[in-house]
Amino acid sequence: MQVMKLKREIEGVDYGHEENGIAVNVAGFMAMGEPKIKSLVVNGVENKALTEVVNKALKKAAEGSMKKMKENSEALQGAV
């Protein structure tokens, strides 16, 4: 029950990253490891700048989600 509440709370947070005129917004998530896009192709053309910005946004989301999980874990341990 607590885990599902935490999951909904984490997934309700948005993380954004903007660089070189590219803006990306990613929802928080609960996952092991850091997600990373290997390549991103638009209309047959690989866009390395876009791939880099998306990966930075995913990294922010992973870090924020892990921080939230840690905070909630500490709060649950204190309640026991």
N, C-alpha and C. Protein backbone atom coordinates (compact mmCIF):
# COMPACT_ATOMS: atom_id res chain seq x y z
N MET A 1 0.82 -1.19 0.00
CA MET A 1 0.00 0.00 0.00
C MET A 1 0.87 1.26 0.00
N GLN A 2 1.86 1.30 0.89
CA GLN A 2 2.77 2.45 0.97
C GLN A 2 3.57 2.59 -0.32
N VAL A 3 3.96 1.44 -0.89
CA VAL A 3 4.77 1.48 -2.12
C VAL A 3 3.96 2.06 -3.27
N MET A 4 2.70 1.68 -3.38
CA MET A 4 1.87 2.21 -4.46
C MET A 4 1.65 3.72 -4.29
N LYS A 5 1.46 4.17 -3.05
CA LYS A 5 1.30 5.59 -2.79
C LYS A 5 2.57 6.34 -3.19
N LEU A 6 3.73 5.79 -2.81
CA LEU A 6 5.01 6.40 -3.15
C LEU A 6 5.19 6.43 -4.67
N LYS A 7 4.83 5.33 -5.34
CA LYS A 7 4.96 5.26 -6.80
C LYS A 7 4.13 6.35 -7.46
N ARG A 8 2.88 6.52 -7.03
CA ARG A 8 2.02 7.56 -7.61
C ARG A 8 2.59 8.96 -7.35
N GLU A 9 3.12 9.15 -6.14
CA GLU A 9 3.70 10.45 -5.78
C GLU A 9 4.91 10.77 -6.66
N ILE A 10 5.78 9.79 -6.82
CA ILE A 10 6.99 9.98 -7.63
C ILE A 10 6.64 10.22 -9.09
N GLU A 11 5.69 9.45 -9.62
CA GLU A 11 5.31 9.60 -11.02
C GLU A 11 4.54 10.89 -11.28
N GLY A 12 4.08 11.55 -10.23
CA GLY A 12 3.36 12.81 -10.38
C GLY A 12 4.27 14.03 -10.49
N VAL A 13 5.57 13.82 -10.31
CA VAL A 13 6.53 14.93 -10.37
C VAL A 13 7.12 15.00 -11.78
N ASP A 14 7.19 16.20 -12.34
CA ASP A 14 7.79 16.40 -13.66
C ASP A 14 9.19 16.99 -13.52
N TYR A 15 10.09 16.55 -14.38
CA TYR A 15 11.46 17.06 -14.41
C TYR A 15 11.72 17.55 -15.82
N GLY A 16 12.24 18.76 -15.93
CA GLY A 16 12.50 19.32 -17.24
C GLY A 16 13.97 19.67 -17.42
N HIS A 17 14.36 19.74 -18.66
CA HIS A 17 15.72 20.17 -19.00
C HIS A 17 15.64 20.93 -20.31
N GLU A 18 16.29 22.08 -20.37
CA GLU A 18 16.30 22.88 -21.59
C GLU A 18 17.74 23.24 -21.92
N GLU A 19 18.08 23.06 -23.18
CA GLU A 19 19.44 23.34 -23.64
C GLU A 19 19.43 23.53 -25.15
N ASN A 20 20.12 24.54 -25.62
CA ASN A 20 20.26 24.80 -27.06
C ASN A 20 18.91 24.86 -27.78
N GLY A 21 17.92 25.46 -27.13
CA GLY A 21 16.61 25.60 -27.76
C GLY A 21 15.77 24.34 -27.74
N ILE A 22 16.22 23.30 -27.05
CA ILE A 22 15.48 22.05 -26.96
C ILE A 22 15.00 21.92 -25.52
N ALA A 23 13.70 21.70 -25.34
CA ALA A 23 13.14 21.53 -24.01
C ALA A 23 12.51 20.14 -23.91
N VAL A 24 12.79 19.45 -22.81
CA VAL A 24 12.26 18.11 -22.58
C VAL A 24 11.66 18.07 -21.19
N ASN A 25 10.51 17.44 -21.06
CA ASN A 25 9.87 17.26 -19.76
C ASN A 25 9.63 15.77 -19.57
N VAL A 26 10.07 15.23 -18.42
CA VAL A 26 9.98 13.80 -18.14
C VAL A 26 9.30 13.62 -16.79
N ALA A 27 8.40 12.65 -16.71
CA ALA A 27 7.76 12.34 -15.43
C ALA A 27 8.71 11.51 -14.58
N GLY A 28 8.59 11.63 -13.26
CA GLY A 28 9.37 10.81 -12.35
C GLY A 28 9.02 9.34 -12.53
N PHE A 29 9.89 8.46 -12.09
CA PHE A 29 9.65 7.03 -12.24
C PHE A 29 10.44 6.25 -11.21
N MET A 30 9.98 5.03 -10.96
CA MET A 30 10.67 4.13 -10.05
C MET A 30 11.31 3.05 -10.90
N ALA A 31 12.61 3.05 -10.98
CA ALA A 31 13.32 2.06 -11.78
C ALA A 31 14.70 1.84 -11.18
N MET A 32 15.23 0.68 -11.40
CA MET A 32 16.60 0.40 -10.98
C MET A 32 17.52 0.86 -12.12
N GLY A 33 18.56 1.54 -11.79
CA GLY A 33 19.48 2.02 -12.80
C GLY A 33 18.97 3.31 -13.43
N GLU A 34 19.79 3.89 -14.25
CA GLU A 34 19.45 5.15 -14.90
C GLU A 34 19.10 4.88 -16.36
N PRO A 35 17.90 5.27 -16.79
CA PRO A 35 17.53 5.07 -18.20
C PRO A 35 18.35 5.98 -19.10
N LYS A 36 18.60 5.51 -20.30
CA LYS A 36 19.38 6.32 -21.23
C LYS A 36 18.97 5.95 -22.65
N ILE A 37 18.78 6.96 -23.47
CA ILE A 37 18.47 6.75 -24.88
C ILE A 37 19.78 6.63 -25.63
N LYS A 38 19.91 5.58 -26.42
CA LYS A 38 21.15 5.36 -27.18
C LYS A 38 21.20 6.23 -28.43
N SER A 39 20.07 6.37 -29.10
CA SER A 39 20.02 7.24 -30.27
C SER A 39 18.59 7.69 -30.49
N LEU A 40 18.45 8.83 -31.15
CA LEU A 40 17.14 9.38 -31.45
C LEU A 40 17.18 9.83 -32.91
N VAL A 41 16.27 9.29 -33.70
CA VAL A 41 16.25 9.60 -35.12
C VAL A 41 14.93 10.27 -35.47
N VAL A 42 15.01 11.42 -36.13
CA VAL A 42 13.83 12.15 -36.57
C VAL A 42 13.88 12.26 -38.08
N ASN A 43 12.85 11.75 -38.72
CA ASN A 43 12.78 11.77 -40.20
C ASN A 43 14.03 11.18 -40.83
N GLY A 44 14.53 10.10 -40.26
CA GLY A 44 15.68 9.42 -40.82
C GLY A 44 17.03 10.03 -40.49
N VAL A 45 17.05 11.09 -39.68
CA VAL A 45 18.29 11.78 -39.34
C VAL A 45 18.53 11.66 -37.83
N GLU A 46 19.69 11.12 -37.47
CA GLU A 46 20.02 11.03 -36.05
C GLU A 46 20.29 12.43 -35.51
N ASN A 47 19.71 12.71 -34.36
CA ASN A 47 19.86 14.02 -33.74
C ASN A 47 20.58 13.85 -32.41
N LYS A 48 21.88 14.01 -32.41
CA LYS A 48 22.68 13.81 -31.20
C LYS A 48 22.41 14.86 -30.14
N ALA A 49 22.14 16.09 -30.55
CA ALA A 49 21.84 17.16 -29.57
C ALA A 49 20.55 16.84 -28.83
N LEU A 50 19.55 16.38 -29.54
CA LEU A 50 18.28 16.02 -28.93
C LEU A 50 18.46 14.82 -28.00
N THR A 51 19.21 13.84 -28.43
CA THR A 51 19.49 12.66 -27.60
C THR A 51 20.15 13.08 -26.30
N GLU A 52 21.11 13.98 -26.37
CA GLU A 52 21.83 14.45 -25.18
C GLU A 52 20.89 15.17 -24.22
N VAL A 53 20.01 16.02 -24.75
CA VAL A 53 19.09 16.77 -23.90
C VAL A 53 18.08 15.83 -23.24
N VAL A 54 17.57 14.86 -23.99
CA VAL A 54 16.62 13.90 -23.43
C VAL A 54 17.30 13.09 -22.32
N ASN A 55 18.53 12.66 -22.55
CA ASN A 55 19.24 11.90 -21.52
C ASN A 55 19.49 12.73 -20.26
N LYS A 56 19.75 14.01 -20.42
CA LYS A 56 19.92 14.88 -19.25
C LYS A 56 18.61 15.01 -18.48
N ALA A 57 17.50 15.11 -19.20
CA ALA A 57 16.19 15.19 -18.54
C ALA A 57 15.89 13.88 -17.81
N LEU A 58 16.19 12.75 -18.43
CA LEU A 58 15.98 11.45 -17.78
C LEU A 58 16.85 11.32 -16.53
N LYS A 59 18.08 11.82 -16.59
CA LYS A 59 18.97 11.77 -15.44
C LYS A 59 18.39 12.60 -14.29
N LYS A 60 17.87 13.80 -14.60
CA LYS A 60 17.25 14.63 -13.57
C LYS A 60 16.07 13.91 -12.94
N ALA A 61 15.26 13.27 -13.77
CA ALA A 61 14.09 12.54 -13.27
C ALA A 61 14.52 11.38 -12.38
N ALA A 62 15.56 10.66 -12.78
CA ALA A 62 16.05 9.53 -11.99
C ALA A 62 16.59 10.02 -10.65
N GLU A 63 17.36 11.09 -10.66
CA GLU A 63 17.93 11.63 -9.42
C GLU A 63 16.83 12.14 -8.49
N GLY A 64 15.86 12.85 -9.04
CA GLY A 64 14.76 13.37 -8.23
C GLY A 64 13.90 12.25 -7.66
N SER A 65 13.66 11.23 -8.47
CA SER A 65 12.86 10.09 -8.01
C SER A 65 13.58 9.33 -6.91
N MET A 66 14.88 9.11 -7.07
CA MET A 66 15.65 8.41 -6.05
C MET A 66 15.68 9.21 -4.75
N LYS A 67 15.80 10.52 -4.85
CA LYS A 67 15.79 11.38 -3.66
C LYS A 67 14.46 11.24 -2.93
N LYS A 68 13.37 11.26 -3.69
CA LYS A 68 12.04 11.14 -3.10
C LYS A 68 11.87 9.79 -2.43
N MET A 69 12.34 8.72 -3.07
CA MET A 69 12.24 7.38 -2.48
C MET A 69 13.05 7.31 -1.18
N LYS A 70 14.24 7.91 -1.18
CA LYS A 70 15.08 7.90 0.01
C LYS A 70 14.40 8.65 1.15
N GLU A 71 13.84 9.83 0.84
CA GLU A 71 13.15 10.61 1.87
C GLU A 71 11.99 9.83 2.47
N ASN A 72 11.20 9.17 1.61
CA ASN A 72 10.06 8.41 2.09
C ASN A 72 10.50 7.16 2.85
N SER A 73 11.59 6.55 2.44
CA SER A 73 12.12 5.38 3.13
C SER A 73 12.54 5.76 4.54
N GLU A 74 13.21 6.89 4.68
CA GLU A 74 13.66 7.37 5.99
C GLU A 74 12.45 7.70 6.88
N ALA A 75 11.40 8.28 6.28
CA ALA A 75 10.21 8.62 7.05
C ALA A 75 9.49 7.35 7.52
N LEU A 76 9.47 6.33 6.65
CA LEU A 76 8.82 5.06 7.05
C LEU A 76 9.61 4.38 8.16
N GLN A 77 10.93 4.43 8.10
CA GLN A 77 11.77 3.80 9.12
C GLN A 77 11.59 4.51 10.46
N GLY A 78 11.43 5.82 10.42
CA GLY A 78 11.22 6.58 11.64
C GLY A 78 9.87 6.33 12.28
N ALA A 79 8.90 5.90 11.47
CA ALA A 79 7.54 5.65 11.97
C ALA A 79 7.42 4.27 12.61
N VAL A 80 8.40 3.41 12.37
CA VAL A 80 8.33 2.03 12.90
C VAL A 80 8.78 1.97 14.31
